[in-house]
């Protein structure tokens, strides 16, 4: 099995720090982790009692992409919707603490800021508590987002669309985003939600669904094929994509690029130990997009994205990967293959 050489890896990753900023548009939220030990069952109900020892907050959903880009030395601007509530203020504070650009955040009265609390021990997640609205944002908010994006487009090198199905993305919004960045002839990568009609993503440069999402998408388009190669071809054709990457969990990534004649290629997963998959997809699309902008082929970008995801799944909770961690992981993988 061929692997990206250390020399080529260094050539691509060194280019990250000279990239223009990437615009990230997506569902936004906060991840809270409440960690402790369970030593007894509650006398009130047959449920475990968590003795809390630590709590922490992280930027979640699409905000985790901006955070990952930042730790990879790639500047970005985050655009999306939060509420005019206490968690909205917390979100702004977390952005400031992480030195992230929040100029394009839109506060919507009456809409809660998405907030997910995970109750965890050192061996398992006990439960998750979600505070959110999945109601589609109004036409006036869509207009605000597109106006903000239009102002930023010429100073940004690429667009990442991160859809978690929380109500940000209508067909009008995605079509508007694609029109703006296609007009600028710039890279558009998208991570779709399984609840969003696939046709909404028509015209993006690269789509990165997982295997289940791919199956649902081709079914929605009227096909019954579930073979990876057939699904990739259908989505490329029907959505007018240039590239597609289908993530397959422990089976790696399948990729198809219409700009070469190599057909479908598969690269293996590179994670040595999986502790928590939260945010791994965010990390992967951050690294893949950055690598493509730095001049990599799709296969090279996926190797780097796979390495980045391999780092974060070994961490607790929604996590980021630093350039130093990425380089160290790739070196270790190169020596072991």
C-alpha atoms as a PDB file:
ATOM      1  CA  UNK A   1       0.000   0.000   0.000  1.00  0.00           C
ATOM      2  CA  UNK A   2       1.421   3.378  -1.020  1.00  0.00           C
ATOM      3  CA  UNK A   3       1.429   6.138   1.559  1.00  0.00           C
ATOM      4  CA  UNK A   4       2.080   9.846   1.229  1.00  0.00           C
ATOM      5  CA  UNK A   5       5.844  10.356   1.556  1.00  0.00           C
ATOM      6  CA  UNK A   6       7.140  12.535   4.385  1.00  0.00           C
ATOM      7  CA  UNK A   7       8.664  14.899   1.833  1.00  0.00           C
ATOM      8  CA  UNK A   8       5.365  15.351   0.002  1.00  0.00           C
ATOM      9  CA  UNK A   9       3.464  15.611   3.285  1.00  0.00           C
ATOM     10  CA  UNK A  10       5.799  18.413   4.391  1.00  0.00           C
ATOM     11  CA  UNK A  11       5.431  20.208   1.043  1.00  0.00           C
ATOM     12  CA  UNK A  12       1.661  20.246   1.347  1.00  0.00           C
ATOM     13  CA  UNK A  13       1.336  20.946   5.072  1.00  0.00           C
ATOM     14  CA  UNK A  14       3.953  23.719   4.978  1.00  0.00           C
ATOM     15  CA  UNK A  15       1.711  25.455   2.460  1.00  0.00           C
ATOM     16  CA  UNK A  16      -1.144  25.689   4.965  1.00  0.00           C
ATOM     17  CA  UNK A  17       0.253  28.774   6.681  1.00  0.00           C
ATOM     18  CA  UNK A  18       0.308  30.777   3.437  1.00  0.00           C
ATOM     19  CA  UNK A  19      -3.288  29.993   2.444  1.00  0.00           C
ATOM     20  CA  UNK A  20      -5.891  32.712   2.211  1.00  0.00           C
ATOM     21  CA  UNK A  21      -8.723  32.500   4.747  1.00  0.00           C
ATOM     22  CA  UNK A  22     -11.482  29.916   4.290  1.00  0.00           C
ATOM     23  CA  UNK A  23     -15.116  30.852   4.807  1.00  0.00           C
ATOM     24  CA  UNK A  24     -17.048  28.316   6.891  1.00  0.00           C
ATOM     25  CA  UNK A  25     -20.856  28.438   6.728  1.00  0.00           C
ATOM     26  CA  UNK A  26     -22.873  26.046   8.825  1.00  0.00           C
ATOM     27  CA  UNK A  27     -24.903  25.077  11.849  1.00  0.00           C
ATOM     28  CA  UNK A  28     -23.285  26.403  15.007  1.00  0.00           C
ATOM     29  CA  UNK A  29     -23.345  25.228  18.602  1.00  0.00           C
ATOM     30  CA  UNK A  30     -21.610  24.568  21.886  1.00  0.00           C
ATOM     31  CA  UNK A  31     -20.540  21.185  23.231  1.00  0.00           C
ATOM     32  CA  UNK A  32     -20.451  20.806  27.009  1.00  0.00           C
ATOM     33  CA  UNK A  33     -18.789  17.825  28.657  1.00  0.00           C
ATOM     34  CA  UNK A  34     -19.663  16.872  32.230  1.00  0.00           C
ATOM     35  CA  UNK A  35     -17.176  14.269  33.418  1.00  0.00           C
ATOM     36  CA  UNK A  36     -17.073  12.202  36.567  1.00  0.00           C
ATOM     37  CA  UNK A  37     -17.297   8.788  38.228  1.00  0.00           C
ATOM     38  CA  UNK A  38     -20.271   6.517  38.840  1.00  0.00           C
ATOM     39  CA  UNK A  39     -20.074   4.689  42.158  1.00  0.00           C
ATOM     40  CA  UNK A  40     -23.706   4.042  42.961  1.00  0.00           C
ATOM     41  CA  UNK A  41     -27.251   3.820  41.629  1.00  0.00           C
ATOM     42  CA  UNK A  42     -29.738   6.508  42.605  1.00  0.00           C
ATOM     43  CA  UNK A  43     -32.235   5.512  45.330  1.00  0.00           C
ATOM     44  CA  UNK A  44     -34.848   7.616  43.481  1.00  0.00           C
ATOM     45  CA  UNK A  45     -34.726   5.684  40.182  1.00  0.00           C
ATOM     46  CA  UNK A  46     -32.635   2.884  38.617  1.00  0.00           C
ATOM     47  CA  UNK A  47     -30.140   5.339  37.095  1.00  0.00           C
ATOM     48  CA  UNK A  48     -26.427   5.955  37.778  1.00  0.00           C
ATOM     49  CA  UNK A  49     -25.361   8.886  39.940  1.00  0.00           C
ATOM     50  CA  UNK A  50     -22.474  10.829  38.391  1.00  0.00           C
ATOM     51  CA  UNK A  51     -20.077  12.425  40.859  1.00  0.00           C
ATOM     52  CA  UNK A  52     -18.837  15.339  38.763  1.00  0.00           C
ATOM     53  CA  UNK A  53     -15.124  16.075  38.793  1.00  0.00           C
ATOM     54  CA  UNK A  54     -14.754  18.261  35.700  1.00  0.00           C
ATOM     55  CA  UNK A  55     -16.788  20.274  33.200  1.00  0.00           C
ATOM     56  CA  UNK A  56     -15.663  21.995  30.015  1.00  0.00           C
ATOM     57  CA  UNK A  57     -17.092  23.770  26.975  1.00  0.00           C
ATOM     58  CA  UNK A  58     -16.022  23.437  23.344  1.00  0.00           C
ATOM     59  CA  UNK A  59     -17.027  25.085  20.094  1.00  0.00           C
ATOM     60  CA  UNK A  60     -19.242  22.567  18.305  1.00  0.00           C
ATOM     61  CA  UNK A  61     -20.759  21.752  14.918  1.00  0.00           C
ATOM     62  CA  UNK A  62     -19.382  24.001  12.154  1.00  0.00           C
ATOM     63  CA  UNK A  63     -17.528  26.116  14.709  1.00  0.00           C
ATOM     64  CA  UNK A  64     -15.292  23.107  15.296  1.00  0.00           C
ATOM     65  CA  UNK A  65     -14.180  23.387  11.656  1.00  0.00           C
ATOM     66  CA  UNK A  66     -12.981  26.954  12.171  1.00  0.00           C
ATOM     67  CA  UNK A  67     -11.246  25.844  15.363  1.00  0.00           C
ATOM     68  CA  UNK A  68      -9.503  22.997  13.511  1.00  0.00           C
ATOM     69  CA  UNK A  69      -8.446  25.308  10.690  1.00  0.00           C
ATOM     70  CA  UNK A  70      -6.972  27.656  13.275  1.00  0.00           C
ATOM     71  CA  UNK A  71      -4.917  24.904  14.933  1.00  0.00           C
ATOM     72  CA  UNK A  72      -3.669  23.897  11.458  1.00  0.00           C
ATOM     73  CA  UNK A  73      -2.485  27.503  10.915  1.00  0.00           C
ATOM     74  CA  UNK A  74      -5.210  28.262   8.349  1.00  0.00           C
ATOM     75  CA  UNK A  75      -7.234  31.467   8.909  1.00  0.00           C
ATOM     76  CA  UNK A  76     -11.009  31.323   8.564  1.00  0.00           C
ATOM     77  CA  UNK A  77     -14.230  33.269   9.005  1.00  0.00           C
ATOM     78  CA  UNK A  78     -17.250  31.542  10.542  1.00  0.00           C
ATOM     79  CA  UNK A  79     -20.760  32.379   9.345  1.00  0.00           C
ATOM     80  CA  UNK A  80     -23.957  31.013  10.852  1.00  0.00           C
ATOM     81  CA  UNK A  81     -26.813  31.531  13.274  1.00  0.00           C
ATOM     82  CA  UNK A  82     -26.851  31.680  17.068  1.00  0.00           C
ATOM     83  CA  UNK A  83     -29.525  32.867  19.492  1.00  0.00           C
ATOM     84  CA  UNK A  84     -29.810  36.095  21.431  1.00  0.00           C
ATOM     85  CA  UNK A  85     -29.479  34.141  24.663  1.00  0.00           C
ATOM     86  CA  UNK A  86     -26.942  33.379  27.374  1.00  0.00           C
ATOM     87  CA  UNK A  87     -25.404  30.556  25.319  1.00  0.00           C
ATOM     88  CA  UNK A  88     -25.066  32.976  22.412  1.00  0.00           C
ATOM     89  CA  UNK A  89     -22.874  35.150  24.635  1.00  0.00           C
ATOM     90  CA  UNK A  90     -20.925  32.066  25.717  1.00  0.00           C
ATOM     91  CA  UNK A  91     -20.420  31.184  22.046  1.00  0.00           C
ATOM     92  CA  UNK A  92     -18.967  34.636  21.332  1.00  0.00           C
ATOM     93  CA  UNK A  93     -16.642  34.251  24.330  1.00  0.00           C
ATOM     94  CA  UNK A  94     -15.430  30.851  23.124  1.00  0.00           C
ATOM     95  CA  UNK A  95     -14.737  32.308  19.675  1.00  0.00           C
ATOM     96  CA  UNK A  96     -12.747  35.132  21.247  1.00  0.00           C
ATOM     97  CA  UNK A  97     -10.781  32.743  23.475  1.00  0.00           C
ATOM     98  CA  UNK A  98      -9.852  30.699  20.392  1.00  0.00           C
ATOM     99  CA  UNK A  99      -8.888  33.833  18.394  1.00  0.00           C
ATOM    100  CA  UNK A 100     -11.507  33.093  15.727  1.00  0.00           C
ATOM    101  CA  UNK A 101     -13.199  35.593  13.418  1.00  0.00           C
ATOM    102  CA  UNK A 102     -16.825  36.094  14.448  1.00  0.00           C
ATOM    103  CA  UNK A 103     -17.691  38.993  12.113  1.00  0.00           C
ATOM    104  CA  UNK A 104     -20.298  36.934  10.224  1.00  0.00           C
ATOM    105  CA  UNK A 105     -22.250  35.526  13.166  1.00  0.00           C
ATOM    106  CA  UNK A 106     -25.963  36.325  13.011  1.00  0.00           C
ATOM    107  CA  UNK A 107     -27.988  36.468  16.238  1.00  0.00           C
ATOM    108  CA  UNK A 108     -31.653  35.541  15.839  1.00  0.00           C
ATOM    109  CA  UNK A 109     -34.137  36.622  18.542  1.00  0.00           C
ATOM    110  CA  UNK A 110     -36.220  33.773  19.953  1.00  0.00           C
ATOM    111  CA  UNK A 111     -33.979  31.021  18.541  1.00  0.00           C
ATOM    112  CA  UNK A 112     -31.907  29.054  21.069  1.00  0.00           C
ATOM    113  CA  UNK A 113     -28.190  28.653  20.528  1.00  0.00           C
ATOM    114  CA  UNK A 114     -27.627  24.928  19.952  1.00  0.00           C
ATOM    115  CA  UNK A 115     -26.156  23.451  23.135  1.00  0.00           C
ATOM    116  CA  UNK A 116     -25.288  19.787  23.646  1.00  0.00           C
ATOM    117  CA  UNK A 117     -24.277  18.436  27.033  1.00  0.00           C
ATOM    118  CA  UNK A 118     -22.630  15.018  27.197  1.00  0.00           C
ATOM    119  CA  UNK A 119     -22.508  13.203  30.533  1.00  0.00           C
ATOM    120  CA  UNK A 120     -19.427  10.967  30.484  1.00  0.00           C
ATOM    121  CA  UNK A 121     -17.235   8.744  32.624  1.00  0.00           C
ATOM    122  CA  UNK A 122     -13.776   7.439  31.741  1.00  0.00           C
ATOM    123  CA  UNK A 123     -15.366   4.398  30.104  1.00  0.00           C
ATOM    124  CA  UNK A 124     -18.628   5.544  28.501  1.00  0.00           C
ATOM    125  CA  UNK A 125     -21.082   8.298  27.646  1.00  0.00           C
ATOM    126  CA  UNK A 126     -24.097   7.977  29.940  1.00  0.00           C
ATOM    127  CA  UNK A 127     -26.403  10.355  28.081  1.00  0.00           C
ATOM    128  CA  UNK A 128     -26.602  13.526  26.010  1.00  0.00           C
ATOM    129  CA  UNK A 129     -28.910  16.478  26.613  1.00  0.00           C
ATOM    130  CA  UNK A 130     -29.724  18.698  23.604  1.00  0.00           C
ATOM    131  CA  UNK A 131     -31.063  22.252  23.652  1.00  0.00           C
ATOM    132  CA  UNK A 132     -31.822  23.294  20.075  1.00  0.00           C
ATOM    133  CA  UNK A 133     -34.299  24.232  17.378  1.00  0.00           C
ATOM    134  CA  UNK A 134     -34.288  22.504  13.993  1.00  0.00           C
ATOM    135  CA  UNK A 135     -36.800  24.936  12.523  1.00  0.00           C
ATOM    136  CA  UNK A 136     -35.636  26.313   9.181  1.00  0.00           C
ATOM    137  CA  UNK A 137     -34.315  29.867   9.480  1.00  0.00           C
ATOM    138  CA  UNK A 138     -36.456  32.568   7.900  1.00  0.00           C
ATOM    139  CA  UNK A 139     -35.995  34.052   4.434  1.00  0.00           C
ATOM    140  CA  UNK A 140     -34.749  37.279   6.034  1.00  0.00           C
ATOM    141  CA  UNK A 141     -32.015  35.370   7.881  1.00  0.00           C
ATOM    142  CA  UNK A 142     -31.039  33.564   4.649  1.00  0.00           C
ATOM    143  CA  UNK A 143     -30.725  36.999   3.031  1.00  0.00           C
ATOM    144  CA  UNK A 144     -28.509  38.197   5.902  1.00  0.00           C
ATOM    145  CA  UNK A 145     -26.240  35.167   5.555  1.00  0.00           C
ATOM    146  CA  UNK A 146     -25.882  35.601   1.780  1.00  0.00           C
ATOM    147  CA  UNK A 147     -25.181  39.311   2.146  1.00  0.00           C
ATOM    148  CA  UNK A 148     -22.466  38.560   4.710  1.00  0.00           C
ATOM    149  CA  UNK A 149     -20.951  35.874   2.486  1.00  0.00           C
ATOM    150  CA  UNK A 150     -21.025  38.146  -0.566  1.00  0.00           C
ATOM    151  CA  UNK A 151     -18.997  40.752   1.325  1.00  0.00           C
ATOM    152  CA  UNK A 152     -16.392  38.166   2.347  1.00  0.00           C
ATOM    153  CA  UNK A 153     -16.133  36.048  -0.810  1.00  0.00           C
ATOM    154  CA  UNK A 154     -13.447  37.942  -2.694  1.00  0.00           C
ATOM    155  CA  UNK A 155     -11.064  37.870   0.292  1.00  0.00           C
ATOM    156  CA  UNK A 156     -11.534  34.147   1.007  1.00  0.00           C
ATOM    157  CA  UNK A 157      -9.867  31.288  -0.847  1.00  0.00           C
ATOM    158  CA  UNK A 158     -12.543  28.603  -0.398  1.00  0.00           C
ATOM    159  CA  UNK A 159     -15.931  27.800   1.111  1.00  0.00           C
ATOM    160  CA  UNK A 160     -16.787  24.945   3.475  1.00  0.00           C
ATOM    161  CA  UNK A 161     -20.502  24.155   3.902  1.00  0.00           C
ATOM    162  CA  UNK A 162     -21.099  22.171   7.094  1.00  0.00           C
ATOM    163  CA  UNK A 163     -24.669  20.901   7.406  1.00  0.00           C
ATOM    164  CA  UNK A 164     -25.788  19.241  10.642  1.00  0.00           C
ATOM    165  CA  UNK A 165     -29.506  19.447   9.855  1.00  0.00           C
ATOM    166  CA  UNK A 166     -30.213  22.135  12.466  1.00  0.00           C
ATOM    167  CA  UNK A 167     -32.226  24.415  10.203  1.00  0.00           C
ATOM    168  CA  UNK A 168     -29.589  26.655   8.633  1.00  0.00           C
ATOM    169  CA  UNK A 169     -29.633  25.275   5.093  1.00  0.00           C
ATOM    170  CA  UNK A 170     -32.466  25.778   2.657  1.00  0.00           C
ATOM    171  CA  UNK A 171     -32.124  25.135  -1.069  1.00  0.00           C
ATOM    172  CA  UNK A 172     -32.060  28.890  -1.579  1.00  0.00           C
ATOM    173  CA  UNK A 173     -29.154  29.369   0.804  1.00  0.00           C
ATOM    174  CA  UNK A 174     -26.944  26.601  -0.606  1.00  0.00           C
ATOM    175  CA  UNK A 175     -27.708  27.669  -4.191  1.00  0.00           C
ATOM    176  CA  UNK A 176     -26.794  31.241  -3.277  1.00  0.00           C
ATOM    177  CA  UNK A 177     -23.529  30.147  -1.657  1.00  0.00           C
ATOM    178  CA  UNK A 178     -22.609  28.003  -4.664  1.00  0.00           C
ATOM    179  CA  UNK A 179     -23.427  30.835  -7.060  1.00  0.00           C
ATOM    180  CA  UNK A 180     -21.234  33.308  -5.160  1.00  0.00           C
ATOM    181  CA  UNK A 181     -18.198  31.045  -4.908  1.00  0.00           C
ATOM    182  CA  UNK A 182     -18.622  29.467  -8.335  1.00  0.00           C
ATOM    183  CA  UNK A 183     -18.601  32.984  -9.739  1.00  0.00           C
ATOM    184  CA  UNK A 184     -15.289  33.502  -7.966  1.00  0.00           C
ATOM    185  CA  UNK A 185     -14.106  30.125  -9.387  1.00  0.00           C
ATOM    186  CA  UNK A 186     -13.135  28.979  -5.895  1.00  0.00           C
ATOM    187  CA  UNK A 187     -13.173  25.607  -4.137  1.00  0.00           C
ATOM    188  CA  UNK A 188     -16.466  24.650  -2.451  1.00  0.00           C
ATOM    189  CA  UNK A 189     -16.473  21.611  -0.152  1.00  0.00           C
ATOM    190  CA  UNK A 190     -19.579  20.367   1.634  1.00  0.00           C
ATOM    191  CA  UNK A 191     -20.333  17.947   4.458  1.00  0.00           C
ATOM    192  CA  UNK A 192     -24.048  17.076   4.079  1.00  0.00           C
ATOM    193  CA  UNK A 193     -26.698  16.105   6.591  1.00  0.00           C
ATOM    194  CA  UNK A 194     -28.739  12.983   5.939  1.00  0.00           C
ATOM    195  CA  UNK A 195     -31.913  15.041   6.404  1.00  0.00           C
ATOM    196  CA  UNK A 196     -31.153  17.585   3.650  1.00  0.00           C
ATOM    197  CA  UNK A 197     -32.292  16.718   0.093  1.00  0.00           C
ATOM    198  CA  UNK A 198     -29.167  15.838  -1.906  1.00  0.00           C
ATOM    199  CA  UNK A 199     -30.130  18.027  -4.860  1.00  0.00           C
ATOM    200  CA  UNK A 200     -29.527  21.057  -2.598  1.00  0.00           C
ATOM    201  CA  UNK A 201     -25.772  20.392  -2.946  1.00  0.00           C
ATOM    202  CA  UNK A 202     -25.775  20.519  -6.740  1.00  0.00           C
ATOM    203  CA  UNK A 203     -22.696  22.289  -8.058  1.00  0.00           C
ATOM    204  CA  UNK A 204     -20.359  22.085  -5.062  1.00  0.00           C
ATOM    205  CA  UNK A 205     -16.803  21.092  -5.947  1.00  0.00           C
ATOM    206  CA  UNK A 206     -16.453  18.287  -3.414  1.00  0.00           C
ATOM    207  CA  UNK A 207     -19.062  16.448  -1.355  1.00  0.00           C
ATOM    208  CA  UNK A 208     -18.056  14.443   1.731  1.00  0.00           C
ATOM    209  CA  UNK A 209     -20.938  12.226   2.902  1.00  0.00           C
ATOM    210  CA  UNK A 210     -20.481   9.133   5.024  1.00  0.00           C
ATOM    211  CA  UNK A 211     -21.626   5.734   3.768  1.00  0.00           C
ATOM    212  CA  UNK A 212     -25.102   5.864   5.331  1.00  0.00           C
ATOM    213  CA  UNK A 213     -25.656   9.401   4.067  1.00  0.00           C
ATOM    214  CA  UNK A 214     -24.576   8.286   0.582  1.00  0.00           C
ATOM    215  CA  UNK A 215     -27.097   5.444   0.588  1.00  0.00           C
ATOM    216  CA  UNK A 216     -29.894   7.788   1.652  1.00  0.00           C
ATOM    217  CA  UNK A 217     -28.870  10.335  -0.960  1.00  0.00           C
ATOM    218  CA  UNK A 218     -28.897   7.921  -3.900  1.00  0.00           C
ATOM    219  CA  UNK A 219     -32.225   6.484  -2.708  1.00  0.00           C
ATOM    220  CA  UNK A 220     -33.628  10.016  -2.581  1.00  0.00           C
ATOM    221  CA  UNK A 221     -32.462  10.462  -6.174  1.00  0.00           C
ATOM    222  CA  UNK A 222     -34.370   7.330  -7.210  1.00  0.00           C
ATOM    223  CA  UNK A 223     -31.620   4.684  -7.204  1.00  0.00           C
ATOM    224  CA  UNK A 224     -31.235   1.472  -5.221  1.00  0.00           C
ATOM    225  CA  UNK A 225     -27.470   0.985  -5.681  1.00  0.00           C
ATOM    226  CA  UNK A 226     -25.493   0.635  -2.449  1.00  0.00           C
ATOM    227  CA  UNK A 227     -22.093  -0.354  -3.872  1.00  0.00           C
ATOM    228  CA  UNK A 228     -19.631   2.415  -3.046  1.00  0.00           C
ATOM    229  CA  UNK A 229     -18.401   2.864  -6.617  1.00  0.00           C
ATOM    230  CA  UNK A 230     -21.933   3.089  -8.026  1.00  0.00           C
ATOM    231  CA  UNK A 231     -23.053   5.561  -5.359  1.00  0.00           C
ATOM    232  CA  UNK A 232     -20.035   7.752  -6.027  1.00  0.00           C
ATOM    233  CA  UNK A 233     -20.753   7.769  -9.761  1.00  0.00           C
ATOM    234  CA  UNK A 234     -24.456   8.560  -9.251  1.00  0.00           C
ATOM    235  CA  UNK A 235     -23.771  11.457  -6.898  1.00  0.00           C
ATOM    236  CA  UNK A 236     -21.027  12.855  -9.151  1.00  0.00           C
ATOM    237  CA  UNK A 237     -23.383  12.732 -12.145  1.00  0.00           C
ATOM    238  CA  UNK A 238     -26.666  13.887 -10.633  1.00  0.00           C
ATOM    239  CA  UNK A 239     -25.227  16.638  -8.419  1.00  0.00           C
ATOM    240  CA  UNK A 240     -22.676  17.872 -10.987  1.00  0.00           C
ATOM    241  CA  UNK A 241     -19.752  17.363  -8.605  1.00  0.00           C
ATOM    242  CA  UNK A 242     -16.080  17.456  -9.469  1.00  0.00           C
ATOM    243  CA  UNK A 243     -14.988  15.255  -6.579  1.00  0.00           C
ATOM    244  CA  UNK A 244     -16.556  13.051  -3.919  1.00  0.00           C
ATOM    245  CA  UNK A 245     -15.184  11.502  -0.739  1.00  0.00           C
ATOM    246  CA  UNK A 246     -17.305   8.872   1.019  1.00  0.00           C
ATOM    247  CA  UNK A 247     -16.150   8.146   4.562  1.00  0.00           C
ATOM    248  CA  UNK A 248     -16.640   4.539   5.637  1.00  0.00           C
ATOM    249  CA  UNK A 249     -15.667   4.517   9.312  1.00  0.00           C
ATOM    250  CA  UNK A 250     -13.251   1.704  10.033  1.00  0.00           C
ATOM    251  CA  UNK A 251     -13.086   0.854   6.325  1.00  0.00           C
ATOM    252  CA  UNK A 252     -11.448   4.166   5.416  1.00  0.00           C
ATOM    253  CA  UNK A 253     -12.402   6.598   2.643  1.00  0.00           C
ATOM    254  CA  UNK A 254     -13.549   6.059  -0.950  1.00  0.00           C
ATOM    255  CA  UNK A 255     -12.753   8.872  -3.363  1.00  0.00           C
ATOM    256  CA  UNK A 256     -13.538   9.721  -6.959  1.00  0.00           C
ATOM    257  CA  UNK A 257     -12.117  12.688  -8.858  1.00  0.00           C
ATOM    258  CA  UNK A 258     -13.429  13.562 -12.317  1.00  0.00           C
ATOM    259  CA  UNK A 259     -10.176  15.426 -13.015  1.00  0.00           C
ATOM    260  CA  UNK A 260      -8.228  12.162 -13.329  1.00  0.00           C
ATOM    261  CA  UNK A 261      -8.908   8.789 -14.921  1.00  0.00           C
ATOM    262  CA  UNK A 262      -8.090   6.588 -11.934  1.00  0.00           C
ATOM    263  CA  UNK A 263     -11.667   5.681 -11.052  1.00  0.00           C
ATOM    264  CA  UNK A 264     -12.702   5.008  -7.479  1.00  0.00           C
ATOM    265  CA  UNK A 265      -9.807   4.761  -5.010  1.00  0.00           C
ATOM    266  CA  UNK A 266      -9.990   3.575  -1.398  1.00  0.00           C
ATOM    267  CA  UNK A 267      -7.590   4.491   1.379  1.00  0.00           C
ATOM    268  CA  UNK A 268      -7.669   2.738   4.766  1.00  0.00           C
ATOM    269  CA  UNK A 269      -8.514   4.273   8.106  1.00  0.00           C
ATOM    270  CA  UNK A 270      -5.368   5.283   9.975  1.00  0.00           C
ATOM    271  CA  UNK A 271      -6.617   5.534  13.574  1.00  0.00           C
ATOM    272  CA  UNK A 272      -4.689   3.355  16.014  1.00  0.00           C
ATOM    273  CA  UNK A 273      -7.139   3.814  18.877  1.00  0.00           C
ATOM    274  CA  UNK A 274     -10.666   5.197  18.752  1.00  0.00           C
ATOM    275  CA  UNK A 275     -11.796   6.824  21.975  1.00  0.00           C
ATOM    276  CA  UNK A 276     -14.382   9.310  20.713  1.00  0.00           C
ATOM    277  CA  UNK A 277     -15.505  10.044  17.129  1.00  0.00           C
ATOM    278  CA  UNK A 278     -17.092  13.409  18.028  1.00  0.00           C
ATOM    279  CA  UNK A 279     -15.985  16.022  15.527  1.00  0.00           C
ATOM    280  CA  UNK A 280     -13.768  13.703  13.464  1.00  0.00           C
ATOM    281  CA  UNK A 281     -15.655  14.624  10.297  1.00  0.00           C
ATOM    282  CA  UNK A 282     -15.110  18.324  11.025  1.00  0.00           C
ATOM    283  CA  UNK A 283     -11.400  17.726  11.361  1.00  0.00           C
ATOM    284  CA  UNK A 284     -11.249  15.672   8.158  1.00  0.00           C
ATOM    285  CA  UNK A 285     -12.978  18.242   5.953  1.00  0.00           C
ATOM    286  CA  UNK A 286     -10.828  21.018   7.450  1.00  0.00           C
ATOM    287  CA  UNK A 287      -7.642  19.165   6.526  1.00  0.00           C
ATOM    288  CA  UNK A 288      -8.887  17.944   3.116  1.00  0.00           C
ATOM    289  CA  UNK A 289      -9.958  21.438   2.054  1.00  0.00           C
ATOM    290  CA  UNK A 290      -6.689  22.967   3.249  1.00  0.00           C
ATOM    291  CA  UNK A 291      -4.599  20.324   1.476  1.00  0.00           C
ATOM    292  CA  UNK A 292      -6.447  20.822  -1.830  1.00  0.00           C
ATOM    293  CA  UNK A 293      -5.865  24.569  -1.586  1.00  0.00           C
ATOM    294  CA  UNK A 294      -2.179  23.871  -0.888  1.00  0.00           C
ATOM    295  CA  UNK A 295      -1.891  22.016  -4.213  1.00  0.00           C
ATOM    296  CA  UNK A 296      -2.468  18.378  -3.271  1.00  0.00           C
ATOM    297  CA  UNK A 297      -4.287  15.765  -5.315  1.00  0.00           C
ATOM    298  CA  UNK A 298      -7.547  14.463  -3.850  1.00  0.00           C
ATOM    299  CA  UNK A 299      -5.849  11.242  -2.733  1.00  0.00           C
ATOM    300  CA  UNK A 300      -3.067  13.183  -1.001  1.00  0.00           C
ATOM    301  CA  UNK A 301      -5.647  15.439   0.661  1.00  0.00           C
ATOM    302  CA  UNK A 302      -7.556  12.396   1.924  1.00  0.00           C
ATOM    303  CA  UNK A 303      -4.387  10.864   3.375  1.00  0.00           C
ATOM    304  CA  UNK A 304      -3.852  14.084   5.313  1.00  0.00           C
ATOM    305  CA  UNK A 305      -7.523  14.279   6.310  1.00  0.00           C
ATOM    306  CA  UNK A 306      -7.399  10.660   7.451  1.00  0.00           C
ATOM    307  CA  UNK A 307      -4.326  11.381   9.576  1.00  0.00           C
ATOM    308  CA  UNK A 308      -6.005  14.414  11.124  1.00  0.00           C
ATOM    309  CA  UNK A 309      -9.117  12.384  11.979  1.00  0.00           C
ATOM    310  CA  UNK A 310      -6.865   9.649  13.355  1.00  0.00           C
ATOM    311  CA  UNK A 311      -5.477  12.110  15.876  1.00  0.00           C
ATOM    312  CA  UNK A 312      -8.784  13.478  17.143  1.00  0.00           C
ATOM    313  CA  UNK A 313     -10.579  10.129  17.574  1.00  0.00           C
ATOM    314  CA  UNK A 314      -7.924   9.311  20.160  1.00  0.00           C
ATOM    315  CA  UNK A 315      -9.002  12.300  22.246  1.00  0.00           C
ATOM    316  CA  UNK A 316     -11.974  12.848  24.536  1.00  0.00           C
ATOM    317  CA  UNK A 317     -14.830  14.879  23.129  1.00  0.00           C
ATOM    318  CA  UNK A 318     -14.983  17.367  20.265  1.00  0.00           C
ATOM    319  CA  UNK A 319     -11.320  17.975  19.561  1.00  0.00           C
ATOM    320  CA  UNK A 320      -8.854  19.701  17.267  1.00  0.00           C
ATOM    321  CA  UNK A 321      -5.558  18.609  15.753  1.00  0.00           C
ATOM    322  CA  UNK A 322      -2.453  20.773  15.823  1.00  0.00           C
ATOM    323  CA  UNK A 323       0.053  20.812  12.984  1.00  0.00           C
ATOM    324  CA  UNK A 324       2.626  19.278  15.308  1.00  0.00           C
ATOM    325  CA  UNK A 325       0.269  16.403  16.185  1.00  0.00           C
ATOM    326  CA  UNK A 326      -0.577  15.901  12.524  1.00  0.00           C
ATOM    327  CA  UNK A 327       3.065  15.703  11.474  1.00  0.00           C
ATOM    328  CA  UNK A 328       3.911  13.340  14.316  1.00  0.00           C
ATOM    329  CA  UNK A 329       0.976  11.057  13.488  1.00  0.00           C
ATOM    330  CA  UNK A 330       1.869  10.947   9.796  1.00  0.00           C
ATOM    331  CA  UNK A 331       5.498  10.134  10.564  1.00  0.00           C
ATOM    332  CA  UNK A 332       4.434   7.285  12.854  1.00  0.00           C
ATOM    333  CA  UNK A 333       2.013   5.919  10.257  1.00  0.00           C
ATOM    334  CA  UNK A 334       4.624   6.154   7.478  1.00  0.00           C
ATOM    335  CA  UNK A 335       7.092   4.137   9.508  1.00  0.00           C
ATOM    336  CA  UNK A 336       4.553   1.457  10.383  1.00  0.00           C
ATOM    337  CA  UNK A 337       3.181   0.800   6.875  1.00  0.00           C
END
